[in-house]
Amino acid sequence: MPRVTYSAPRTASVGPSETATRARGRGVDVNAIPLTGVAKGMVHGLGGW
């Protein structure tokens, strides 16, 4: 189920959550970067988590 979070910058996801996938015994790769590494985060002066 596609999901979106109305924020600045915008975020979205598609598919089962990490928790649901792990509960099914499947492997999960998680990649995360701080907002300062994203152009819109830089423009808005956002950082951290």
N, C-alpha and C. Protein backbone atom coordinates (compact mmCIF):
# COMPACT_ATOMS: atom_id res chain seq x y z
N MET A 1 0.85 -1.18 0.00
CA MET A 1 0.00 0.00 0.00
C MET A 1 0.89 1.24 0.00
N PRO A 2 0.79 2.09 -1.00
CA PRO A 2 1.58 3.32 -1.02
C PRO A 2 1.20 4.22 0.16
N ARG A 3 2.21 4.87 0.72
CA ARG A 3 1.99 5.80 1.83
C ARG A 3 2.75 7.08 1.55
N VAL A 4 2.23 8.18 2.03
CA VAL A 4 2.91 9.46 1.87
C VAL A 4 2.83 10.22 3.19
N THR A 5 3.86 10.97 3.50
CA THR A 5 3.87 11.84 4.68
C THR A 5 3.93 13.27 4.17
N TYR A 6 2.95 14.06 4.54
CA TYR A 6 2.93 15.45 4.09
C TYR A 6 3.83 16.26 5.00
N SER A 7 5.02 16.51 4.53
CA SER A 7 6.03 17.24 5.28
C SER A 7 6.92 17.96 4.28
N ALA A 8 7.88 18.70 4.80
CA ALA A 8 8.86 19.36 3.92
C ALA A 8 10.24 18.90 4.36
N PRO A 9 10.97 18.15 3.59
CA PRO A 9 10.62 17.63 2.28
C PRO A 9 9.64 16.46 2.39
N ARG A 10 8.94 16.19 1.31
CA ARG A 10 7.96 15.11 1.28
C ARG A 10 8.64 13.74 1.34
N THR A 11 7.95 12.78 1.92
CA THR A 11 8.44 11.41 1.94
C THR A 11 7.32 10.48 1.48
N ALA A 12 7.70 9.32 0.99
CA ALA A 12 6.70 8.34 0.55
C ALA A 12 7.32 6.95 0.62
N SER A 13 6.48 5.93 0.62
CA SER A 13 6.98 4.55 0.60
C SER A 13 5.95 3.68 -0.11
N VAL A 14 6.42 2.53 -0.58
CA VAL A 14 5.57 1.57 -1.27
C VAL A 14 5.95 0.19 -0.76
N GLY A 15 4.97 -0.63 -0.46
CA GLY A 15 5.25 -1.98 -0.01
C GLY A 15 5.11 -2.13 1.49
N PRO A 16 5.30 -3.35 1.98
CA PRO A 16 5.17 -3.61 3.42
C PRO A 16 6.24 -2.87 4.21
N SER A 17 5.96 -2.62 5.47
CA SER A 17 6.93 -1.95 6.34
C SER A 17 8.11 -2.87 6.65
N GLU A 18 9.17 -2.29 7.16
CA GLU A 18 10.34 -3.08 7.56
C GLU A 18 9.94 -4.11 8.61
N THR A 19 9.16 -3.69 9.60
CA THR A 19 8.74 -4.59 10.68
C THR A 19 7.92 -5.76 10.14
N ALA A 20 6.96 -5.47 9.26
CA ALA A 20 6.12 -6.53 8.70
C ALA A 20 6.95 -7.51 7.87
N THR A 21 7.90 -7.00 7.12
CA THR A 21 8.74 -7.85 6.29
C THR A 21 9.62 -8.75 7.14
N ARG A 22 10.22 -8.20 8.19
CA ARG A 22 11.04 -9.01 9.11
C ARG A 22 10.19 -10.07 9.81
N ALA A 23 8.95 -9.72 10.17
CA ALA A 23 8.06 -10.67 10.84
C ALA A 23 7.76 -11.87 9.95
N ARG A 24 7.82 -11.68 8.65
CA ARG A 24 7.60 -12.78 7.70
C ARG A 24 8.87 -13.59 7.45
N GLY A 25 9.96 -13.23 8.14
CA GLY A 25 11.21 -13.96 8.00
C GLY A 25 12.01 -13.59 6.77
N ARG A 26 11.73 -12.46 6.19
CA ARG A 26 12.44 -12.01 4.98
C ARG A 26 13.55 -11.05 5.36
N GLY A 27 14.58 -11.03 4.52
CA GLY A 27 15.68 -10.08 4.72
C GLY A 27 15.26 -8.68 4.29
N VAL A 28 15.84 -7.70 4.95
CA VAL A 28 15.51 -6.30 4.67
C VAL A 28 16.80 -5.50 4.59
N ASP A 29 16.94 -4.68 3.57
CA ASP A 29 18.03 -3.71 3.48
C ASP A 29 17.44 -2.34 3.78
N VAL A 30 18.07 -1.62 4.70
CA VAL A 30 17.60 -0.29 5.07
C VAL A 30 18.69 0.71 4.75
N ASN A 31 18.34 1.74 4.01
CA ASN A 31 19.27 2.82 3.68
C ASN A 31 18.67 4.11 4.20
N ALA A 32 19.47 4.89 4.91
CA ALA A 32 19.00 6.17 5.44
C ALA A 32 20.08 7.22 5.29
N ILE A 33 19.65 8.43 4.98
CA ILE A 33 20.59 9.55 4.90
C ILE A 33 19.97 10.73 5.63
N PRO A 34 20.78 11.60 6.22
CA PRO A 34 20.22 12.79 6.87
C PRO A 34 19.64 13.74 5.82
N LEU A 35 18.69 14.54 6.23
CA LEU A 35 18.06 15.47 5.29
C LEU A 35 19.04 16.46 4.70
N THR A 36 20.16 16.69 5.36
CA THR A 36 21.16 17.61 4.80
C THR A 36 21.78 17.04 3.54
N GLY A 37 21.62 15.74 3.29
CA GLY A 37 22.15 15.11 2.09
C GLY A 37 21.18 15.14 0.92
N VAL A 38 20.01 15.72 1.12
CA VAL A 38 18.98 15.79 0.09
C VAL A 38 18.81 17.26 -0.31
N ALA A 39 18.75 17.53 -1.59
CA ALA A 39 18.69 18.92 -2.07
C ALA A 39 17.60 19.74 -1.39
N LYS A 40 16.40 19.20 -1.29
CA LYS A 40 15.31 19.98 -0.68
C LYS A 40 15.57 20.22 0.80
N GLY A 41 16.21 19.27 1.48
CA GLY A 41 16.58 19.47 2.87
C GLY A 41 17.60 20.58 3.02
N MET A 42 18.52 20.65 2.08
CA MET A 42 19.52 21.73 2.10
C MET A 42 18.85 23.08 1.90
N VAL A 43 17.92 23.15 0.94
CA VAL A 43 17.24 24.41 0.64
C VAL A 43 16.45 24.90 1.85
N HIS A 44 15.81 23.97 2.56
CA HIS A 44 14.99 24.33 3.72
C HIS A 44 15.81 24.43 5.01
N GLY A 45 17.10 24.12 4.94
CA GLY A 45 17.95 24.18 6.13
C GLY A 45 17.63 23.10 7.14
N LEU A 46 17.17 21.95 6.67
CA LEU A 46 16.81 20.84 7.55
C LEU A 46 18.00 19.91 7.74
N GLY A 47 18.06 19.26 8.86
CA GLY A 47 19.12 18.30 9.10
C GLY A 47 18.74 17.36 10.22
N GLY A 48 19.62 16.43 10.53
CA GLY A 48 19.36 15.49 11.61
C GLY A 48 18.29 14.49 11.25
N TRP A 49 17.69 13.90 12.26
CA TRP A 49 16.66 12.88 12.06
C TRP A 49 15.40 13.38 12.68
